[in-house]
Amino acid sequence: MSVTTSTTATATSDAAGVLRLRPDASIQASPATPGFPITTDIRSSPFHDVQTGPARVVLPTFASLEEERRYRKEHLALVFRILHRFKLAEGIAGHCSVRDPIEPDTFWVNPQGKSFALMKQSDLVRCRVSDGKMVEGLAPTDASASSIHSQMYKELGRGSEGGIESIVHVHGPHSKAFSSLGRTLDMISQDACAYYDEQVLISFGGAVFDNREGERIARAVGNKRIGILQNHGIIAVGKLSIDEAAWWQINFEMCCQAQLLADAARRPTDPVVEAGPEEIASTKAEMGTPEMGWFSLAAYMEEEEYHSNGAHKR
């Protein structure tokens, strides 16, 4: 979706990170990343201290909640295509969702069996937060998707400190392997610092087919960013956008790969060199915000929009 200077409201984030609308006509499309607008009002950007130049990236602009709904659905479709490009699509497994901005007690999710590589916004189905029941669409979705996602949206809510707007769960090879080790990431890289105190181990409860297991997972995740589903993989949540949750999923997968490589290469006498407390805190403050999670997917979004040639919008 293009961003123009003629729209009447800008999506910003409140304390909980939920997209909201406020009057602002000062933003413009970025010549580098058109879908990620910029402003010359530098202090209004969440990136004012981490970017340089005469402008800063800001959150997108919508003329209405209907336009925001379309944006969210199109970005969710692009997320599936990105995950496929990262080889994180595995058969019919995996499900990602985003809360509907018009009826936030519902969410959009993928129908089971639809190729991630070919996902379109019109393919998505809408389910109810209260019980996971489908309210829009015909193609069936994975029972574990409706049960887990509905209960996470229900349990974690919206607009509170732990409220969420999106969920991503796919079966990545490195996160699956790492999930079997019964541990969280060591702070051995800059990227890992974004997940400091943001990981929780969740015991394996078998295949998920009803809301009871979804409730258990939701309570365990709490206000954390990553739930490590032992013997299964991970689940990532976004407080702001589907872009954010997708970035945490992809980046955590990369961190798991780095952790497994480091563990494999380390000799018995080699120490584990981790970042210090101050460095961890400052790095997380810069790289671990919902806004940075959203923007971190920008390059992949641009690439996938190019390859899609508009097909994801149909």
Protein backbone atom coordinates (compact mmCIF):
# COMPACT_ATOMS: atom_id res chain seq x y z
CA MET A 1 0.00 0.00 0.00
CA SER A 2 1.40 3.36 -0.97
CA VAL A 3 1.74 6.13 1.57
CA THR A 4 0.92 9.69 0.58
CA THR A 5 1.01 13.14 2.17
CA SER A 6 -2.71 13.74 1.60
CA THR A 7 -4.03 11.31 4.19
CA THR A 8 -5.58 12.71 7.32
CA ALA A 9 -4.39 10.44 10.09
CA THR A 10 -1.10 8.92 11.11
CA ALA A 11 -0.79 5.63 12.93
CA THR A 12 1.36 6.06 16.00
CA SER A 13 1.76 3.89 19.07
CA ASP A 14 0.53 4.44 22.58
CA ALA A 15 2.34 3.13 25.66
CA ALA A 16 1.28 -0.40 24.80
CA GLY A 17 2.48 -0.18 21.21
CA VAL A 18 -0.96 -0.51 19.59
CA LEU A 19 -1.41 1.36 16.31
CA ARG A 20 -3.68 4.36 16.80
CA LEU A 21 -4.83 7.24 14.62
CA ARG A 22 -3.93 10.91 15.12
CA PRO A 23 -4.07 13.96 12.81
CA ASP A 24 -0.79 14.53 10.96
CA ALA A 25 -0.20 15.43 7.34
CA SER A 26 3.56 15.98 7.53
CA ILE A 27 4.78 12.54 6.47
CA GLN A 28 5.87 11.50 2.99
CA ALA A 29 6.85 8.36 1.15
CA SER A 30 10.49 7.40 1.53
CA PRO A 31 12.48 7.30 -1.73
CA ALA A 32 14.19 4.16 -0.37
CA THR A 33 11.30 2.23 1.20
CA PRO A 34 7.94 3.64 -0.02
CA GLY A 35 5.89 1.49 2.33
CA PHE A 36 7.77 2.81 5.35
CA PRO A 37 7.17 6.60 5.45
CA ILE A 38 9.47 9.35 6.67
CA THR A 39 9.09 12.75 8.32
CA THR A 40 11.26 15.81 8.80
CA ASP A 41 9.76 16.18 12.28
CA ILE A 42 12.64 14.19 13.66
CA ARG A 43 11.59 14.13 17.31
CA SER A 44 8.24 12.54 16.39
CA SER A 45 9.98 9.43 15.08
CA PRO A 46 10.74 6.44 17.32
CA PHE A 47 14.05 6.26 15.45
CA HIS A 48 15.18 9.82 16.12
CA ASP A 49 18.30 8.69 18.00
CA VAL A 50 19.24 5.70 15.81
CA GLN A 51 18.99 7.24 12.32
CA THR A 52 20.76 10.23 10.79
CA GLY A 53 19.97 12.66 7.97
CA PRO A 54 17.22 15.26 7.47
CA ALA A 55 14.33 12.79 7.95
CA ARG A 56 13.34 9.80 10.05
CA VAL A 57 11.13 6.77 9.50
CA VAL A 58 7.69 6.93 11.13
CA LEU A 59 4.79 4.52 11.42
CA PRO A 60 2.40 4.33 8.45
CA THR A 61 -0.49 6.63 7.63
CA PHE A 62 -4.12 5.57 7.20
CA ALA A 63 -7.15 7.57 6.13
CA SER A 64 -9.48 5.12 7.88
CA LEU A 65 -9.62 1.89 9.84
CA GLU A 66 -10.74 0.18 6.64
CA GLU A 67 -7.48 1.25 5.04
CA GLU A 68 -5.56 -0.04 8.04
CA ARG A 69 -7.36 -3.38 7.75
CA ARG A 70 -6.26 -3.66 4.12
CA TYR A 71 -2.67 -2.75 5.10
CA ARG A 72 -2.59 -5.38 7.82
CA LYS A 73 -3.98 -8.09 5.55
CA GLU A 74 -1.58 -7.26 2.71
CA HIS A 75 1.38 -7.27 5.09
CA LEU A 76 0.28 -10.59 6.54
CA ALA A 77 0.16 -12.03 3.01
CA LEU A 78 3.66 -10.68 2.37
CA VAL A 79 4.90 -12.18 5.65
CA PHE A 80 3.90 -15.66 4.47
CA ARG A 81 5.80 -15.12 1.23
CA ILE A 82 8.86 -13.90 3.15
CA LEU A 83 8.75 -16.92 5.45
CA HIS A 84 8.64 -19.19 2.41
CA ARG A 85 11.69 -17.42 0.97
CA PHE A 86 13.50 -18.11 4.25
CA LYS A 87 12.56 -21.80 3.89
CA LEU A 88 10.39 -21.61 6.99
CA ALA A 89 7.34 -23.14 5.30
CA GLU A 90 6.99 -26.82 6.16
CA GLY A 91 4.19 -28.71 4.47
CA ILE A 92 0.86 -27.61 5.86
CA ALA A 93 2.38 -26.57 9.21
CA GLY A 94 2.69 -23.01 10.42
CA HIS A 95 0.21 -20.25 11.08
CA CYS A 96 0.43 -16.48 11.42
CA SER A 97 -2.24 -13.96 12.33
CA VAL A 98 -2.95 -10.28 12.90
CA ARG A 99 -5.71 -8.67 14.91
CA ASP A 100 -8.43 -6.90 12.93
CA PRO A 101 -8.39 -3.14 13.60
CA ILE A 102 -12.12 -2.66 12.95
CA GLU A 103 -13.32 -5.61 15.03
CA PRO A 104 -10.36 -6.25 17.35
CA ASP A 105 -12.15 -9.18 18.96
CA THR A 106 -11.35 -11.03 15.70
CA PHE A 107 -8.14 -11.87 13.85
CA TRP A 108 -7.02 -12.81 10.33
CA VAL A 109 -5.14 -16.10 9.82
CA ASN A 110 -4.08 -18.36 6.96
CA PRO A 111 -6.21 -21.24 5.67
CA GLN A 112 -4.46 -24.57 6.12
CA GLY A 113 -2.77 -25.96 3.02
CA LYS A 114 -2.46 -22.67 1.14
CA SER A 115 1.08 -22.20 -0.14
CA PHE A 116 2.95 -19.53 1.80
CA ALA A 117 4.62 -18.54 -1.47
CA LEU A 118 1.29 -17.74 -3.14
CA MET A 119 -0.62 -16.18 -0.25
CA LYS A 120 -2.98 -13.29 -1.09
CA GLN A 121 -4.85 -11.02 1.28
CA SER A 122 -8.13 -12.41 -0.04
CA ASP A 123 -7.08 -15.94 1.00
CA LEU A 124 -7.06 -15.02 4.69
CA VAL A 125 -9.92 -16.05 6.95
CA ARG A 126 -11.18 -14.27 10.05
CA CYS A 127 -11.74 -15.96 13.40
CA ARG A 128 -13.22 -14.89 16.71
CA VAL A 129 -10.93 -14.20 19.68
CA SER A 130 -13.36 -15.58 22.25
CA ASP A 131 -13.45 -19.16 20.96
CA GLY A 132 -11.54 -19.34 17.64
CA LYS A 133 -14.70 -19.85 15.58
CA MET A 134 -14.42 -18.68 11.95
CA VAL A 135 -16.61 -15.68 11.17
CA GLU A 136 -15.43 -14.83 7.66
CA GLY A 137 -14.15 -17.18 4.97
CA LEU A 138 -14.83 -20.74 3.88
CA ALA A 139 -11.50 -22.59 3.58
CA PRO A 140 -10.63 -24.48 6.80
CA THR A 141 -7.81 -23.32 9.01
CA ASP A 142 -5.60 -25.41 11.28
CA ALA A 143 -7.36 -26.24 14.55
CA SER A 144 -4.16 -25.47 16.43
CA ALA A 145 -4.04 -22.04 14.78
CA SER A 146 -7.55 -21.07 15.83
CA SER A 147 -7.14 -22.48 19.34
CA ILE A 148 -3.68 -21.08 20.10
CA HIS A 149 -4.12 -17.69 18.47
CA SER A 150 -7.60 -17.05 19.84
CA GLN A 151 -6.56 -17.84 23.39
CA MET A 152 -3.39 -15.76 23.14
CA TYR A 153 -5.31 -12.73 21.90
CA LYS A 154 -7.91 -13.33 24.60
CA GLU A 155 -5.47 -13.91 27.46
CA LEU A 156 -2.97 -11.16 26.58
CA GLY A 157 -5.52 -8.59 25.49
CA ARG A 158 -4.99 -5.34 23.65
CA GLY A 159 -3.83 -1.94 24.80
CA SER A 160 -2.30 -3.12 28.05
CA GLU A 161 1.41 -3.51 28.75
CA GLY A 162 1.34 -7.10 27.54
CA GLY A 163 -1.27 -6.66 24.80
CA ILE A 164 -0.55 -8.12 21.37
CA GLU A 165 -1.53 -7.42 17.76
CA SER A 166 0.05 -10.36 15.93
CA ILE A 167 1.35 -13.91 16.25
CA VAL A 168 3.79 -15.91 14.08
CA HIS A 169 4.50 -19.61 14.42
CA VAL A 170 6.40 -21.66 11.87
CA HIS A 171 8.65 -24.72 12.09
CA GLY A 172 12.21 -23.48 11.56
CA PRO A 173 14.96 -26.12 11.59
CA HIS A 174 17.29 -24.30 13.96
CA SER A 175 14.61 -23.19 16.43
CA LYS A 176 13.18 -26.74 16.43
CA ALA A 177 16.61 -28.14 17.27
CA PHE A 178 17.23 -25.47 19.89
CA SER A 179 13.82 -26.05 21.49
CA SER A 180 14.90 -29.57 22.46
CA LEU A 181 17.78 -28.32 24.64
CA GLY A 182 15.69 -26.97 27.51
CA ARG A 183 17.42 -23.58 27.60
CA THR A 184 17.19 -20.01 26.37
CA LEU A 185 19.64 -18.13 24.18
CA ASP A 186 22.97 -17.04 25.60
CA MET A 187 23.72 -13.35 25.08
CA ILE A 188 26.53 -14.14 22.62
CA SER A 189 25.57 -11.71 19.87
CA GLN A 190 24.10 -8.27 19.32
CA ASP A 191 20.93 -9.81 17.90
CA ALA A 192 20.47 -12.09 20.90
CA CYS A 193 20.38 -9.06 23.22
CA ALA A 194 16.95 -8.13 21.83
CA TYR A 195 15.63 -11.29 23.51
CA TYR A 196 17.10 -10.72 26.95
CA ASP A 197 14.37 -11.55 29.48
CA GLU A 198 12.00 -12.06 26.52
CA GLN A 199 12.10 -15.88 26.27
CA VAL A 200 10.06 -18.47 28.12
CA LEU A 201 10.28 -22.27 27.98
CA ILE A 202 6.96 -24.05 27.43
CA SER A 203 6.80 -27.82 27.86
CA PHE A 204 5.54 -29.95 24.99
CA GLY A 205 1.86 -30.77 25.27
CA GLY A 206 1.44 -32.72 22.05
CA ALA A 207 -0.52 -31.61 19.02
CA VAL A 208 -2.96 -28.79 19.74
CA PHE A 209 -6.61 -29.29 18.80
CA ASP A 210 -8.61 -27.49 21.48
CA ASN A 211 -8.62 -24.24 23.41
CA ARG A 212 -7.32 -25.75 26.65
CA GLU A 213 -3.82 -26.18 25.23
CA GLY A 214 -4.09 -22.72 23.70
CA GLU A 215 -4.92 -21.30 27.13
CA ARG A 216 -1.91 -23.04 28.65
CA ILE A 217 0.46 -21.66 26.02
CA ALA A 218 -1.05 -18.17 26.33
CA ARG A 219 -0.61 -18.11 30.11
CA ALA A 220 2.97 -19.35 29.78
CA VAL A 221 3.96 -16.74 27.18
CA GLY A 222 2.65 -13.89 29.32
CA ASN A 223 4.36 -10.63 28.36
CA LYS A 224 7.37 -12.31 26.74
CA ARG A 225 8.28 -11.88 23.09
CA ILE A 226 9.23 -15.50 22.36
CA GLY A 227 7.69 -18.71 23.59
CA ILE A 228 10.07 -21.63 23.12
CA LEU A 229 7.74 -24.58 22.55
CA GLN A 230 9.95 -27.45 23.61
CA ASN A 231 10.27 -30.28 21.06
CA HIS A 232 8.32 -28.11 18.64
CA GLY A 233 9.77 -24.69 17.80
CA ILE A 234 8.92 -21.13 18.79
CA ILE A 235 6.01 -18.72 18.76
CA ALA A 236 6.61 -14.98 18.38
CA VAL A 237 4.25 -12.16 19.26
CA GLY A 238 4.06 -8.55 18.12
CA LYS A 239 2.72 -5.71 20.23
CA LEU A 240 2.46 -3.41 17.21
CA SER A 241 2.25 -5.18 13.85
CA ILE A 242 2.55 -8.43 11.92
CA ASP A 243 5.86 -7.14 10.54
CA GLU A 244 7.22 -7.04 14.09
CA ALA A 245 6.20 -10.60 15.00
CA ALA A 246 7.60 -11.89 11.70
CA TRP A 247 10.92 -10.20 12.36
CA TRP A 248 11.19 -11.69 15.85
CA GLN A 249 10.46 -15.15 14.38
CA ILE A 250 13.02 -14.82 11.57
CA ASN A 251 15.68 -13.16 13.68
CA PHE A 252 15.26 -15.63 16.55
CA GLU A 253 15.69 -18.44 14.05
CA MET A 254 18.98 -16.82 13.00
CA CYS A 255 20.02 -16.49 16.64
CA CYS A 256 19.28 -20.19 17.22
CA GLN A 257 21.47 -21.03 14.25
CA ALA A 258 24.28 -18.87 15.63
CA GLN A 259 23.88 -20.46 19.08
CA LEU A 260 24.05 -23.99 17.68
CA LEU A 261 27.11 -23.10 15.58
CA ALA A 262 28.86 -21.55 18.58
CA ASP A 263 28.03 -24.54 20.78
CA ALA A 264 29.32 -26.93 18.12
CA ALA A 265 32.56 -25.01 17.59
CA ARG A 266 33.34 -24.41 21.27
CA ARG A 267 36.02 -26.62 22.77
CA PRO A 268 35.53 -27.93 26.32
CA THR A 269 38.03 -25.42 27.68
CA ASP A 270 36.67 -22.42 25.77
CA PRO A 271 34.75 -19.88 27.87
CA VAL A 272 31.37 -18.54 26.81
CA VAL A 273 31.91 -14.88 26.02
CA GLU A 274 28.63 -13.06 26.61
CA ALA A 275 27.79 -9.37 26.39
CA GLY A 276 27.91 -7.43 29.64
CA PRO A 277 24.79 -6.24 31.49
CA GLU A 278 25.09 -2.62 30.38
CA GLU A 279 25.72 -3.58 26.77
CA ILE A 280 22.77 -5.98 26.80
CA ALA A 281 20.45 -3.31 28.20
CA SER A 282 21.50 -0.59 25.76
CA THR A 283 21.36 -2.94 22.76
CA LYS A 284 17.91 -4.19 23.71
CA ALA A 285 16.69 -0.61 24.17
CA GLU A 286 17.76 0.14 20.58
CA MET A 287 17.01 -3.13 18.77
CA GLY A 288 14.29 -4.70 20.88
CA THR A 289 11.42 -2.22 20.59
CA PRO A 290 8.15 -3.02 18.77
CA GLU A 291 8.88 -0.17 16.37
CA MET A 292 12.32 -1.53 15.51
CA GLY A 293 10.83 -4.98 15.03
CA TRP A 294 8.35 -3.45 12.55
CA PHE A 295 11.02 -1.55 10.62
CA SER A 296 13.53 -4.42 10.65
CA LEU A 297 11.35 -6.28 8.15
CA ALA A 298 11.34 -3.33 5.70
CA ALA A 299 14.01 -4.65 3.32
CA TYR A 300 12.34 -8.05 3.10
CA MET A 301 8.96 -6.39 2.55
CA GLU A 302 10.39 -4.34 -0.32
CA GLU A 303 11.95 -7.42 -1.91
CA GLU A 304 8.78 -9.49 -1.58
CA GLU A 305 6.57 -6.72 -2.97
CA TYR A 306 8.88 -6.66 -5.99
CA HIS A 307 8.62 -10.42 -6.51
CA SER A 308 4.87 -10.43 -5.84
CA ASN A 309 4.24 -7.72 -8.43
CA GLY A 310 0.99 -6.94 -6.64
CA ALA A 311 -0.33 -10.51 -6.49
CA HIS A 312 -0.48 -10.45 -2.67
CA LYS A 313 -3.01 -7.59 -2.85
CA ARG A 314 -5.62 -9.57 -4.78
